Amino acid sequence: MPMNKYLVVIDLGSNSIRLKISELQKDGQAVTKHYEKRYVRLSSQMGSEKILKAEPIERTLEALRDFRQICDQYQDKKVVAVATAAVRQAKNQQDFLKRAKAASGFDIQVISGEQEAYLDYVGVTNALPLKRGIIIDTGGASMELIAVEDGAAEETVSIPFGSVTLSQRYHLGDRVNAADLFDAMVEVDEVLSHQRWLNRFRRTKIIALGGSNRALAKIYRWRNAVDGKAAPVQRLMLRSETAFAIMHQLLEVDQATRAKIRGVMKERADVVIGGLLPLLALMRQLAIDEVCFSNSGLREGVLVKYLEHAKDLPDLTPEKGGK
């Protein structure tokens, strides 16, 4: 089946919605032609009832309408739109998907947590080969963990909390109360302790992605910029003691001051504390003294799978024993 000229990937996350349009080359490469990100905070105030609220829905529909206008400028395209944790968990999922279709014309595919983790694995390892270690993607309402053994995805796990849900549940948005932080850390530690396979990866490698984790990398890169030039986030390495020191700095200040720290976007200043807890907990529990960051993830995983099949994604399910 002939390949389209453009692949449009829409990633409807719990905190942000992203559009990536890639021009597909005859040599099998892909060139990014357009990239757009909107902070819609779809998972905001979902609470234990898991209902998408009116205001976040309206913000998301507005972004989807804008994305449709951008997409209409490109001919001969394939659109793959996927939704992750917020829509996956929502009791009013079907109503939202119908409204999204009516507003934008996009058919949005809700992927499972395991599928999301697998696509993260494909996207990360296509750019950053990993023989053995852990990949962590902390999103707005879920966290994906992937165990890589001999280059293959051995475990693909999704845990239903993330930067937005943890920060809102434990009031970590502005000045952080010690008791609230303790309660949040206890929950993260407890949830991770149920993933017994993690113990096999003590002192191994860890690759981190997701907005809050990348914010940690961006703070570090700007702090160490030379002549106004900062190192790229992709492949950036950070020692655990430096990561802990940056978290200490973030905890010392209120939301407004946090937002002024270069590397922390103001839209993320109220959720970055909750978003960093899982990564830092993993590094402590598994005695991992260094973290590597990836700019590639789910969207790049979709692209890789599309290039492999040259048609609609036939199966986003993890393949045992490799890509």
C-alpha atoms as a PDB file:
ATOM      1  CA  MET A   1       0.000   0.000   0.000  1.00  0.00           C
ATOM      2  CA  PRO A   2       1.509   3.395  -0.983  1.00  0.00           C
ATOM      3  CA  MET A   3       2.554   5.678   1.833  1.00  0.00           C
ATOM      4  CA  ASN A   4       1.023   9.101   2.376  1.00  0.00           C
ATOM      5  CA  LYS A   5       3.237  12.156   1.958  1.00  0.00           C
ATOM      6  CA  TYR A   6       2.498  13.418   5.469  1.00  0.00           C
ATOM      7  CA  LEU A   7       1.800  11.734   8.779  1.00  0.00           C
ATOM      8  CA  VAL A   8      -0.160  13.808  11.277  1.00  0.00           C
ATOM      9  CA  VAL A   9       0.041  12.603  14.889  1.00  0.00           C
ATOM     10  CA  ILE A  10      -2.245  14.149  17.483  1.00  0.00           C
ATOM     11  CA  ASP A  11      -1.406  13.197  21.061  1.00  0.00           C
ATOM     12  CA  LEU A  12      -4.251  14.126  23.393  1.00  0.00           C
ATOM     13  CA  GLY A  13      -2.665  13.922  26.808  1.00  0.00           C
ATOM     14  CA  SER A  14      -3.940  14.741  30.254  1.00  0.00           C
ATOM     15  CA  ASN A  15      -2.034  18.020  30.583  1.00  0.00           C
ATOM     16  CA  SER A  16      -1.302  19.041  26.998  1.00  0.00           C
ATOM     17  CA  ILE A  17      -2.398  18.253  23.467  1.00  0.00           C
ATOM     18  CA  ARG A  18       0.246  18.099  20.761  1.00  0.00           C
ATOM     19  CA  LEU A  19       0.227  18.104  16.986  1.00  0.00           C
ATOM     20  CA  LYS A  20       3.170  16.820  14.974  1.00  0.00           C
ATOM     21  CA  ILE A  21       3.161  16.790  11.174  1.00  0.00           C
ATOM     22  CA  SER A  22       5.985  14.830   9.534  1.00  0.00           C
ATOM     23  CA  GLU A  23       6.870  14.734   5.848  1.00  0.00           C
ATOM     24  CA  LEU A  24       7.732  11.157   4.925  1.00  0.00           C
ATOM     25  CA  GLN A  25      10.791  10.764   2.716  1.00  0.00           C
ATOM     26  CA  LYS A  26      11.413   8.035   0.141  1.00  0.00           C
ATOM     27  CA  ASP A  27      14.501   6.891   2.062  1.00  0.00           C
ATOM     28  CA  GLY A  28      12.341   6.034   5.079  1.00  0.00           C
ATOM     29  CA  GLN A  29      13.222   9.162   7.051  1.00  0.00           C
ATOM     30  CA  ALA A  30      10.738  11.725   8.343  1.00  0.00           C
ATOM     31  CA  VAL A  31      11.118  15.506   8.540  1.00  0.00           C
ATOM     32  CA  THR A  32       9.045  17.499  11.044  1.00  0.00           C
ATOM     33  CA  LYS A  33       7.098  20.200   9.185  1.00  0.00           C
ATOM     34  CA  HIS A  34       4.918  21.490  12.012  1.00  0.00           C
ATOM     35  CA  TYR A  35       4.779  21.076  15.775  1.00  0.00           C
ATOM     36  CA  GLU A  36       2.216  22.608  18.093  1.00  0.00           C
ATOM     37  CA  LYS A  37       1.508  22.204  21.801  1.00  0.00           C
ATOM     38  CA  ARG A  38      -1.414  23.530  23.843  1.00  0.00           C
ATOM     39  CA  TYR A  39      -1.800  23.238  27.600  1.00  0.00           C
ATOM     40  CA  VAL A  40      -5.454  22.214  27.956  1.00  0.00           C
ATOM     41  CA  ARG A  41      -5.174  20.454  31.353  1.00  0.00           C
ATOM     42  CA  LEU A  42      -7.936  17.992  30.348  1.00  0.00           C
ATOM     43  CA  SER A  43      -7.510  15.940  33.531  1.00  0.00           C
ATOM     44  CA  SER A  44      -8.021  18.959  35.783  1.00  0.00           C
ATOM     45  CA  GLN A  45     -10.351  18.305  38.746  1.00  0.00           C
ATOM     46  CA  MET A  46     -11.449  14.896  37.433  1.00  0.00           C
ATOM     47  CA  GLY A  47     -11.333  13.693  41.025  1.00  0.00           C
ATOM     48  CA  SER A  48     -12.302  10.227  42.185  1.00  0.00           C
ATOM     49  CA  GLU A  49     -15.495  10.332  40.093  1.00  0.00           C
ATOM     50  CA  LYS A  50     -13.339  10.443  36.901  1.00  0.00           C
ATOM     51  CA  ILE A  51     -15.518  12.922  35.022  1.00  0.00           C
ATOM     52  CA  LEU A  52     -14.037  15.291  32.423  1.00  0.00           C
ATOM     53  CA  LYS A  53     -15.123  18.786  33.422  1.00  0.00           C
ATOM     54  CA  ALA A  54     -16.732  21.429  31.167  1.00  0.00           C
ATOM     55  CA  GLU A  55     -13.946  24.024  31.077  1.00  0.00           C
ATOM     56  CA  PRO A  56     -11.094  21.599  30.268  1.00  0.00           C
ATOM     57  CA  ILE A  57     -13.309  20.003  27.583  1.00  0.00           C
ATOM     58  CA  GLU A  58     -13.930  23.418  25.970  1.00  0.00           C
ATOM     59  CA  ARG A  59     -10.192  24.224  26.000  1.00  0.00           C
ATOM     60  CA  THR A  60      -9.484  20.878  24.358  1.00  0.00           C
ATOM     61  CA  LEU A  61     -12.172  21.271  21.687  1.00  0.00           C
ATOM     62  CA  GLU A  62     -10.825  24.725  20.840  1.00  0.00           C
ATOM     63  CA  ALA A  63      -7.318  23.279  20.393  1.00  0.00           C
ATOM     64  CA  LEU A  64      -8.683  20.459  18.213  1.00  0.00           C
ATOM     65  CA  ARG A  65     -10.482  22.987  15.987  1.00  0.00           C
ATOM     66  CA  ASP A  66      -7.229  24.910  15.584  1.00  0.00           C
ATOM     67  CA  PHE A  67      -5.358  21.694  14.800  1.00  0.00           C
ATOM     68  CA  ARG A  68      -7.942  20.871  12.120  1.00  0.00           C
ATOM     69  CA  GLN A  69      -7.277  24.212  10.406  1.00  0.00           C
ATOM     70  CA  ILE A  70      -3.540  23.519  10.442  1.00  0.00           C
ATOM     71  CA  CYS A  71      -4.037  19.983   9.096  1.00  0.00           C
ATOM     72  CA  ASP A  72      -6.230  21.245   6.254  1.00  0.00           C
ATOM     73  CA  GLN A  73      -3.184  23.043   4.821  1.00  0.00           C
ATOM     74  CA  TYR A  74      -1.574  19.666   4.061  1.00  0.00           C
ATOM     75  CA  GLN A  75      -2.709  17.338   1.274  1.00  0.00           C
ATOM     76  CA  ASP A  76      -2.075  13.585   0.998  1.00  0.00           C
ATOM     77  CA  LYS A  77      -1.911  12.987   4.730  1.00  0.00           C
ATOM     78  CA  LYS A  78      -2.689  10.257   7.209  1.00  0.00           C
ATOM     79  CA  VAL A  79      -4.005  11.409  10.583  1.00  0.00           C
ATOM     80  CA  VAL A  80      -3.467   9.274  13.671  1.00  0.00           C
ATOM     81  CA  ALA A  81      -5.083  10.798  16.766  1.00  0.00           C
ATOM     82  CA  VAL A  82      -4.647   9.062  20.102  1.00  0.00           C
ATOM     83  CA  ALA A  83      -5.915   9.897  23.578  1.00  0.00           C
ATOM     84  CA  THR A  84      -4.244   8.717  26.763  1.00  0.00           C
ATOM     85  CA  ALA A  85      -4.962   8.655  30.500  1.00  0.00           C
ATOM     86  CA  ALA A  86      -7.532  11.442  31.017  1.00  0.00           C
ATOM     87  CA  VAL A  87      -9.866  10.159  28.282  1.00  0.00           C
ATOM     88  CA  ARG A  88      -9.008   6.544  29.062  1.00  0.00           C
ATOM     89  CA  GLN A  89     -10.154   6.951  32.679  1.00  0.00           C
ATOM     90  CA  ALA A  90     -13.149   9.215  32.008  1.00  0.00           C
ATOM     91  CA  LYS A  91     -16.663   7.923  32.629  1.00  0.00           C
ATOM     92  CA  ASN A  92     -17.942  10.460  30.088  1.00  0.00           C
ATOM     93  CA  GLN A  93     -15.417   9.263  27.498  1.00  0.00           C
ATOM     94  CA  GLN A  94     -17.941   8.493  24.737  1.00  0.00           C
ATOM     95  CA  ASP A  95     -19.670  11.854  25.055  1.00  0.00           C
ATOM     96  CA  PHE A  96     -16.313  13.632  24.841  1.00  0.00           C
ATOM     97  CA  LEU A  97     -15.207  11.640  21.773  1.00  0.00           C
ATOM     98  CA  LYS A  98     -18.456  12.461  19.964  1.00  0.00           C
ATOM     99  CA  ARG A  99     -18.036  16.158  20.722  1.00  0.00           C
ATOM    100  CA  ALA A 100     -14.405  16.039  19.588  1.00  0.00           C
ATOM    101  CA  LYS A 101     -15.423  14.386  16.308  1.00  0.00           C
ATOM    102  CA  ALA A 102     -18.194  16.952  15.738  1.00  0.00           C
ATOM    103  CA  ALA A 103     -15.873  19.875  16.517  1.00  0.00           C
ATOM    104  CA  SER A 104     -12.825  18.772  14.525  1.00  0.00           C
ATOM    105  CA  GLY A 105     -13.624  15.754  12.388  1.00  0.00           C
ATOM    106  CA  PHE A 106     -10.844  13.770  14.078  1.00  0.00           C
ATOM    107  CA  ASP A 107     -11.491  10.133  14.959  1.00  0.00           C
ATOM    108  CA  ILE A 108      -9.629   9.834  18.243  1.00  0.00           C
ATOM    109  CA  GLN A 109      -8.417   6.393  19.274  1.00  0.00           C
ATOM    110  CA  VAL A 110      -8.243   5.823  23.035  1.00  0.00           C
ATOM    111  CA  ILE A 111      -5.193   3.675  23.680  1.00  0.00           C
ATOM    112  CA  SER A 112      -4.634   1.483  26.709  1.00  0.00           C
ATOM    113  CA  GLY A 113      -1.935   2.176  29.269  1.00  0.00           C
ATOM    114  CA  GLU A 114       0.008  -0.832  28.014  1.00  0.00           C
ATOM    115  CA  GLN A 115      -0.180   0.453  24.431  1.00  0.00           C
ATOM    116  CA  GLU A 116       0.978   3.886  25.555  1.00  0.00           C
ATOM    117  CA  ALA A 117       3.946   2.377  27.406  1.00  0.00           C
ATOM    118  CA  TYR A 118       4.857   0.263  24.377  1.00  0.00           C
ATOM    119  CA  LEU A 119       4.753   3.246  21.992  1.00  0.00           C
ATOM    120  CA  ASP A 120       6.945   5.174  24.459  1.00  0.00           C
ATOM    121  CA  TYR A 121       9.402   2.277  24.331  1.00  0.00           C
ATOM    122  CA  VAL A 122       9.420   2.254  20.506  1.00  0.00           C
ATOM    123  CA  GLY A 123       9.838   6.030  20.312  1.00  0.00           C
ATOM    124  CA  VAL A 124      12.573   6.226  22.949  1.00  0.00           C
ATOM    125  CA  THR A 125      14.669   3.247  21.851  1.00  0.00           C
ATOM    126  CA  ASN A 126      14.508   4.207  18.177  1.00  0.00           C
ATOM    127  CA  ALA A 127      16.482   7.335  19.090  1.00  0.00           C
ATOM    128  CA  LEU A 128      18.282   6.156  22.255  1.00  0.00           C
ATOM    129  CA  PRO A 129      19.249   2.469  22.079  1.00  0.00           C
ATOM    130  CA  LEU A 130      18.900   0.842  25.504  1.00  0.00           C
ATOM    131  CA  LYS A 131      20.208  -2.637  26.266  1.00  0.00           C
ATOM    132  CA  ARG A 132      18.932  -2.863  29.827  1.00  0.00           C
ATOM    133  CA  GLY A 133      17.136  -0.426  32.073  1.00  0.00           C
ATOM    134  CA  ILE A 134      13.896   1.406  32.800  1.00  0.00           C
ATOM    135  CA  ILE A 135      11.971   4.010  30.811  1.00  0.00           C
ATOM    136  CA  ILE A 136       9.626   6.302  32.751  1.00  0.00           C
ATOM    137  CA  ASP A 137       7.098   8.645  31.147  1.00  0.00           C
ATOM    138  CA  THR A 138       5.255  10.821  33.678  1.00  0.00           C
ATOM    139  CA  GLY A 139       2.195  12.438  32.125  1.00  0.00           C
ATOM    140  CA  GLY A 140      -0.652  14.468  33.574  1.00  0.00           C
ATOM    141  CA  ALA A 141      -2.839  11.592  34.786  1.00  0.00           C
ATOM    142  CA  SER A 142      -0.727   8.474  34.302  1.00  0.00           C
ATOM    143  CA  MET A 143       2.819   7.219  34.497  1.00  0.00           C
ATOM    144  CA  GLU A 144       4.208   4.596  32.148  1.00  0.00           C
ATOM    145  CA  LEU A 145       7.038   2.280  33.172  1.00  0.00           C
ATOM    146  CA  ILE A 146       8.873   0.048  30.716  1.00  0.00           C
ATOM    147  CA  ALA A 147      11.439  -2.585  31.648  1.00  0.00           C
ATOM    148  CA  VAL A 148      13.977  -3.109  28.864  1.00  0.00           C
ATOM    149  CA  GLU A 149      15.882  -6.387  28.960  1.00  0.00           C
ATOM    150  CA  ASP A 150      18.320  -7.271  26.177  1.00  0.00           C
ATOM    151  CA  GLY A 151      16.840  -4.423  24.103  1.00  0.00           C
ATOM    152  CA  ALA A 152      13.264  -5.742  24.315  1.00  0.00           C
ATOM    153  CA  ALA A 153      10.257  -4.388  26.210  1.00  0.00           C
ATOM    154  CA  GLU A 154       9.860  -6.981  28.956  1.00  0.00           C
ATOM    155  CA  GLU A 155       7.299  -5.075  31.055  1.00  0.00           C
ATOM    156  CA  THR A 156       4.925  -2.320  29.908  1.00  0.00           C
ATOM    157  CA  VAL A 157       2.987  -0.876  32.834  1.00  0.00           C
ATOM    158  CA  SER A 158       0.727   2.157  33.225  1.00  0.00           C
ATOM    159  CA  ILE A 159      -0.061   3.559  36.671  1.00  0.00           C
ATOM    160  CA  PRO A 160      -3.067   5.915  36.955  1.00  0.00           C
ATOM    161  CA  PHE A 161      -1.470   8.941  38.548  1.00  0.00           C
ATOM    162  CA  GLY A 162       0.599  11.768  37.116  1.00  0.00           C
ATOM    163  CA  SER A 163       1.718  15.359  37.530  1.00  0.00           C
ATOM    164  CA  VAL A 164      -1.758  16.909  37.515  1.00  0.00           C
ATOM    165  CA  THR A 165      -3.549  14.274  39.587  1.00  0.00           C
ATOM    166  CA  LEU A 166      -0.830  14.030  42.264  1.00  0.00           C
ATOM    167  CA  SER A 167      -0.384  17.801  42.494  1.00  0.00           C
ATOM    168  CA  GLN A 168      -4.108  18.460  42.832  1.00  0.00           C
ATOM    169  CA  ARG A 169      -4.807  15.563  45.211  1.00  0.00           C
ATOM    170  CA  TYR A 170      -2.039  16.570  47.610  1.00  0.00           C
ATOM    171  CA  HIS A 171      -2.137  20.379  47.159  1.00  0.00           C
ATOM    172  CA  LEU A 172       1.370  20.621  45.701  1.00  0.00           C
ATOM    173  CA  GLY A 173       0.616  23.519  43.362  1.00  0.00           C
ATOM    174  CA  ASP A 174       1.766  26.538  45.352  1.00  0.00           C
ATOM    175  CA  ARG A 175       3.518  26.622  48.730  1.00  0.00           C
ATOM    176  CA  VAL A 176       4.028  22.965  49.650  1.00  0.00           C
ATOM    177  CA  ASN A 177       3.096  21.780  53.125  1.00  0.00           C
ATOM    178  CA  ALA A 178       5.451  19.143  54.562  1.00  0.00           C
ATOM    179  CA  ALA A 179       2.588  16.827  55.566  1.00  0.00           C
ATOM    180  CA  ASP A 180       1.049  16.995  52.069  1.00  0.00           C
ATOM    181  CA  LEU A 181       4.404  16.233  50.460  1.00  0.00           C
ATOM    182  CA  PHE A 182       4.917  13.310  52.828  1.00  0.00           C
ATOM    183  CA  ASP A 183       1.478  11.867  51.994  1.00  0.00           C
ATOM    184  CA  ALA A 184       2.188  12.154  48.260  1.00  0.00           C
ATOM    185  CA  MET A 185       5.591  10.492  48.616  1.00  0.00           C
ATOM    186  CA  VAL A 186       4.068   7.635  50.631  1.00  0.00           C
ATOM    187  CA  GLU A 187       1.482   6.975  47.908  1.00  0.00           C
ATOM    188  CA  VAL A 188       4.122   7.004  45.151  1.00  0.00           C
ATOM    189  CA  ASP A 189       6.403   4.701  47.157  1.00  0.00           C
ATOM    190  CA  GLU A 190       3.548   2.323  47.907  1.00  0.00           C
ATOM    191  CA  VAL A 191       2.411   2.097  44.292  1.00  0.00           C
ATOM    192  CA  LEU A 192       5.965   1.510  43.048  1.00  0.00           C
ATOM    193  CA  SER A 193       6.525  -1.194  45.686  1.00  0.00           C
ATOM    194  CA  HIS A 194       3.773  -3.264  44.040  1.00  0.00           C
ATOM    195  CA  GLN A 195       5.860  -3.409  40.842  1.00  0.00           C
ATOM    196  CA  ARG A 196       8.122  -6.146  42.127  1.00  0.00           C
ATOM    197  CA  TRP A 197       9.962  -6.505  38.826  1.00  0.00           C
ATOM    198  CA  LEU A 198      11.564  -3.128  39.519  1.00  0.00           C
ATOM    199  CA  ASN A 199      13.885  -4.764  42.063  1.00  0.00           C
ATOM    200  CA  ARG A 200      15.712  -6.542  39.236  1.00  0.00           C
ATOM    201  CA  PHE A 201      16.767  -3.145  37.887  1.00  0.00           C
ATOM    202  CA  ARG A 202      18.662  -1.789  40.863  1.00  0.00           C
ATOM    203  CA  ARG A 203      21.661   0.366  39.876  1.00  0.00           C
ATOM    204  CA  THR A 204      20.726   0.155  36.200  1.00  0.00           C
ATOM    205  CA  LYS A 205      20.002   2.850  33.624  1.00  0.00           C
ATOM    206  CA  ILE A 206      16.908   5.034  33.558  1.00  0.00           C
ATOM    207  CA  ILE A 207      15.563   7.147  30.686  1.00  0.00           C
ATOM    208  CA  ALA A 208      12.959   9.786  31.560  1.00  0.00           C
ATOM    209  CA  LEU A 209      10.406  11.623  29.445  1.00  0.00           C
ATOM    210  CA  GLY A 210       7.205  13.581  29.997  1.00  0.00           C
ATOM    211  CA  GLY A 211       6.803  17.312  30.634  1.00  0.00           C
ATOM    212  CA  SER A 212       7.767  17.448  34.310  1.00  0.00           C
ATOM    213  CA  ASN A 213      10.788  15.199  33.867  1.00  0.00           C
ATOM    214  CA  ARG A 214      11.950  17.256  30.891  1.00  0.00           C
ATOM    215  CA  ALA A 215      11.469  20.416  32.996  1.00  0.00           C
ATOM    216  CA  LEU A 216      14.086  18.997  35.379  1.00  0.00           C
ATOM    217  CA  ALA A 217      16.470  18.593  32.435  1.00  0.00           C
ATOM    218  CA  LYS A 218      15.702  22.104  31.150  1.00  0.00           C
ATOM    219  CA  ILE A 219      16.390  23.724  34.525  1.00  0.00           C
ATOM    220  CA  TYR A 220      19.762  21.984  34.587  1.00  0.00           C
ATOM    221  CA  ARG A 221      20.649  22.830  30.980  1.00  0.00           C
ATOM    222  CA  TRP A 222      19.940  26.557  31.455  1.00  0.00           C
ATOM    223  CA  ARG A 223      21.760  26.614  34.768  1.00  0.00           C
ATOM    224  CA  ASN A 224      24.833  25.309  32.942  1.00  0.00           C
ATOM    225  CA  ALA A 225      24.423  27.302  29.730  1.00  0.00           C
ATOM    226  CA  VAL A 226      27.576  28.837  28.277  1.00  0.00           C
ATOM    227  CA  ASP A 227      27.287  32.145  26.416  1.00  0.00           C
ATOM    228  CA  GLY A 228      23.512  31.765  26.285  1.00  0.00           C
ATOM    229  CA  LYS A 229      23.755  28.325  24.659  1.00  0.00           C
ATOM    230  CA  ALA A 230      22.251  25.364  26.501  1.00  0.00           C
ATOM    231  CA  ALA A 231      22.795  21.652  25.902  1.00  0.00           C
ATOM    232  CA  PRO A 232      19.938  19.768  24.176  1.00  0.00           C
ATOM    233  CA  VAL A 233      17.537  17.790  26.367  1.00  0.00           C
ATOM    234  CA  GLN A 234      17.918  14.676  24.204  1.00  0.00           C
ATOM    235  CA  ARG A 235      20.603  12.436  25.766  1.00  0.00           C
ATOM    236  CA  LEU A 236      21.254  14.912  28.590  1.00  0.00           C
ATOM    237  CA  MET A 237      22.576  13.154  31.703  1.00  0.00           C
ATOM    238  CA  LEU A 238      21.869  14.288  35.253  1.00  0.00           C
ATOM    239  CA  ARG A 239      23.315  12.981  38.513  1.00  0.00           C
ATOM    240  CA  SER A 240      20.857  12.029  41.252  1.00  0.00           C
ATOM    241  CA  GLU A 241      22.287  14.507  43.758  1.00  0.00           C
ATOM    242  CA  THR A 242      21.759  17.321  41.224  1.00  0.00           C
ATOM    243  CA  ALA A 243      18.188  16.197  40.556  1.00  0.00           C
ATOM    244  CA  PHE A 244      17.451  16.129  44.286  1.00  0.00           C
ATOM    245  CA  ALA A 245      19.003  19.604  44.722  1.00  0.00           C
ATOM    246  CA  ILE A 246      16.790  21.032  41.950  1.00  0.00           C
ATOM    247  CA  MET A 247      13.702  19.475  43.576  1.00  0.00           C
ATOM    248  CA  HIS A 248      14.800  21.066  46.873  1.00  0.00           C
ATOM    249  CA  GLN A 249      14.950  24.454  45.126  1.00  0.00           C
ATOM    250  CA  LEU A 250      11.472  23.971  43.597  1.00  0.00           C
ATOM    251  CA  LEU A 251      10.020  23.045  47.001  1.00  0.00           C
ATOM    252  CA  GLU A 252      11.461  26.105  48.728  1.00  0.00           C
ATOM    253  CA  VAL A 253       9.435  28.602  46.692  1.00  0.00           C
ATOM    254  CA  ASP A 254       5.830  29.339  45.791  1.00  0.00           C
ATOM    255  CA  GLN A 255       4.196  28.794  42.395  1.00  0.00           C
ATOM    256  CA  ALA A 256       4.862  32.325  41.112  1.00  0.00           C
ATOM    257  CA  THR A 257       8.576  32.119  41.943  1.00  0.00           C
ATOM    258  CA  ARG A 258       8.784  28.584  40.541  1.00  0.00           C
ATOM    259  CA  ALA A 259       7.332  29.827  37.253  1.00  0.00           C
ATOM    260  CA  LYS A 260      10.226  32.304  36.923  1.00  0.00           C
ATOM    261  CA  ILE A 261      12.894  29.595  37.097  1.00  0.00           C
ATOM    262  CA  ARG A 262      14.233  29.163  33.587  1.00  0.00           C
ATOM    263  CA  GLY A 263      13.177  25.749  32.306  1.00  0.00           C
ATOM    264  CA  VAL A 264       9.846  25.695  34.180  1.00  0.00           C
ATOM    265  CA  MET A 265       7.059  26.983  31.956  1.00  0.00           C
ATOM    266  CA  LYS A 266       4.435  28.969  33.856  1.00  0.00           C
ATOM    267  CA  GLU A 267       1.771  26.461  32.677  1.00  0.00           C
ATOM    268  CA  ARG A 268       3.670  23.705  34.472  1.00  0.00           C
ATOM    269  CA  ALA A 269       4.713  25.490  37.668  1.00  0.00           C
ATOM    270  CA  ASP A 270       1.756  24.140  39.672  1.00  0.00           C
ATOM    271  CA  VAL A 271       2.224  20.485  38.657  1.00  0.00           C
ATOM    272  CA  VAL A 272       5.999  20.029  38.363  1.00  0.00           C
ATOM    273  CA  ILE A 273       6.410  18.967  42.027  1.00  0.00           C
ATOM    274  CA  GLY A 274       3.892  16.133  41.724  1.00  0.00           C
ATOM    275  CA  GLY A 275       5.284  15.266  38.309  1.00  0.00           C
ATOM    276  CA  LEU A 276       8.820  14.759  39.594  1.00  0.00           C
ATOM    277  CA  LEU A 277       7.932  12.559  42.572  1.00  0.00           C
ATOM    278  CA  PRO A 278       7.804   9.226  40.645  1.00  0.00           C
ATOM    279  CA  LEU A 279      11.192   9.678  38.915  1.00  0.00           C
ATOM    280  CA  LEU A 280      12.951  10.757  42.109  1.00  0.00           C
ATOM    281  CA  ALA A 281      11.316   7.917  44.049  1.00  0.00           C
ATOM    282  CA  LEU A 282      12.586   5.391  41.484  1.00  0.00           C
ATOM    283  CA  MET A 283      16.102   6.790  41.652  1.00  0.00           C
ATOM    284  CA  ARG A 284      16.090   6.566  45.453  1.00  0.00           C
ATOM    285  CA  GLN A 285      14.521   3.104  45.708  1.00  0.00           C
ATOM    286  CA  LEU A 286      16.718   1.523  43.031  1.00  0.00           C
ATOM    287  CA  ALA A 287      19.942   3.362  43.899  1.00  0.00           C
ATOM    288  CA  ILE A 288      20.162   4.767  40.358  1.00  0.00           C
ATOM    289  CA  ASP A 289      22.673   7.598  40.414  1.00  0.00           C
ATOM    290  CA  GLU A 290      22.123   9.043  36.946  1.00  0.00           C
ATOM    291  CA  VAL A 291      19.156   9.755  34.657  1.00  0.00           C
ATOM    292  CA  CYS A 292      19.149  10.251  30.883  1.00  0.00           C
ATOM    293  CA  PHE A 293      16.403  12.320  29.204  1.00  0.00           C
ATOM    294  CA  SER A 294      14.559  11.671  25.962  1.00  0.00           C
ATOM    295  CA  ASN A 295      12.701  14.094  23.711  1.00  0.00           C
ATOM    296  CA  SER A 296      11.177  11.151  21.852  1.00  0.00           C
ATOM    297  CA  GLY A 297       8.193   9.171  23.053  1.00  0.00           C
ATOM    298  CA  LEU A 298       4.663   8.253  22.071  1.00  0.00           C
ATOM    299  CA  ARG A 299       4.428  10.468  18.960  1.00  0.00           C
ATOM    300  CA  GLU A 300       7.704   9.140  17.611  1.00  0.00           C
ATOM    301  CA  GLY A 301       6.575   5.595  18.438  1.00  0.00           C
ATOM    302  CA  VAL A 302       3.452   6.101  16.306  1.00  0.00           C
ATOM    303  CA  LEU A 303       5.657   7.403  13.478  1.00  0.00           C
ATOM    304  CA  VAL A 304       8.006   4.406  13.669  1.00  0.00           C
ATOM    305  CA  LYS A 305       5.107   1.930  13.609  1.00  0.00           C
ATOM    306  CA  TYR A 306       3.501   3.765  10.680  1.00  0.00           C
ATOM    307  CA  LEU A 307       6.746   3.689   8.686  1.00  0.00           C
ATOM    308  CA  GLU A 308       7.026  -0.032   9.388  1.00  0.00           C
ATOM    309  CA  HIS A 309       3.536  -0.759   8.059  1.00  0.00           C
ATOM    310  CA  ALA A 310       2.908   2.113   5.588  1.00  0.00           C
ATOM    311  CA  LYS A 311      -0.753   2.113   6.571  1.00  0.00           C
ATOM    312  CA  ASP A 312      -2.977   2.672   9.564  1.00  0.00           C
ATOM    313  CA  LEU A 313      -1.508   1.224  12.716  1.00  0.00           C
ATOM    314  CA  PRO A 314      -2.699  -2.392  12.656  1.00  0.00           C
ATOM    315  CA  ASP A 315      -1.689  -3.193  16.206  1.00  0.00           C
ATOM    316  CA  LEU A 316      -0.350  -0.966  18.950  1.00  0.00           C
ATOM    317  CA  THR A 317      -0.079  -3.852  21.392  1.00  0.00           C
ATOM    318  CA  PRO A 318       3.330  -4.721  22.838  1.00  0.00           C
ATOM    319  CA  GLU A 319       5.095  -7.472  20.948  1.00  0.00           C
ATOM    320  CA  LYS A 320       6.762  -9.885  23.301  1.00  0.00           C
ATOM    321  CA  GLY A 321      10.479 -10.014  22.782  1.00  0.00           C
ATOM    322  CA  GLY A 322      11.093  -6.726  20.951  1.00  0.00           C
ATOM    323  CA  LYS A 323       9.789  -4.009  18.685  1.00  0.00           C
END
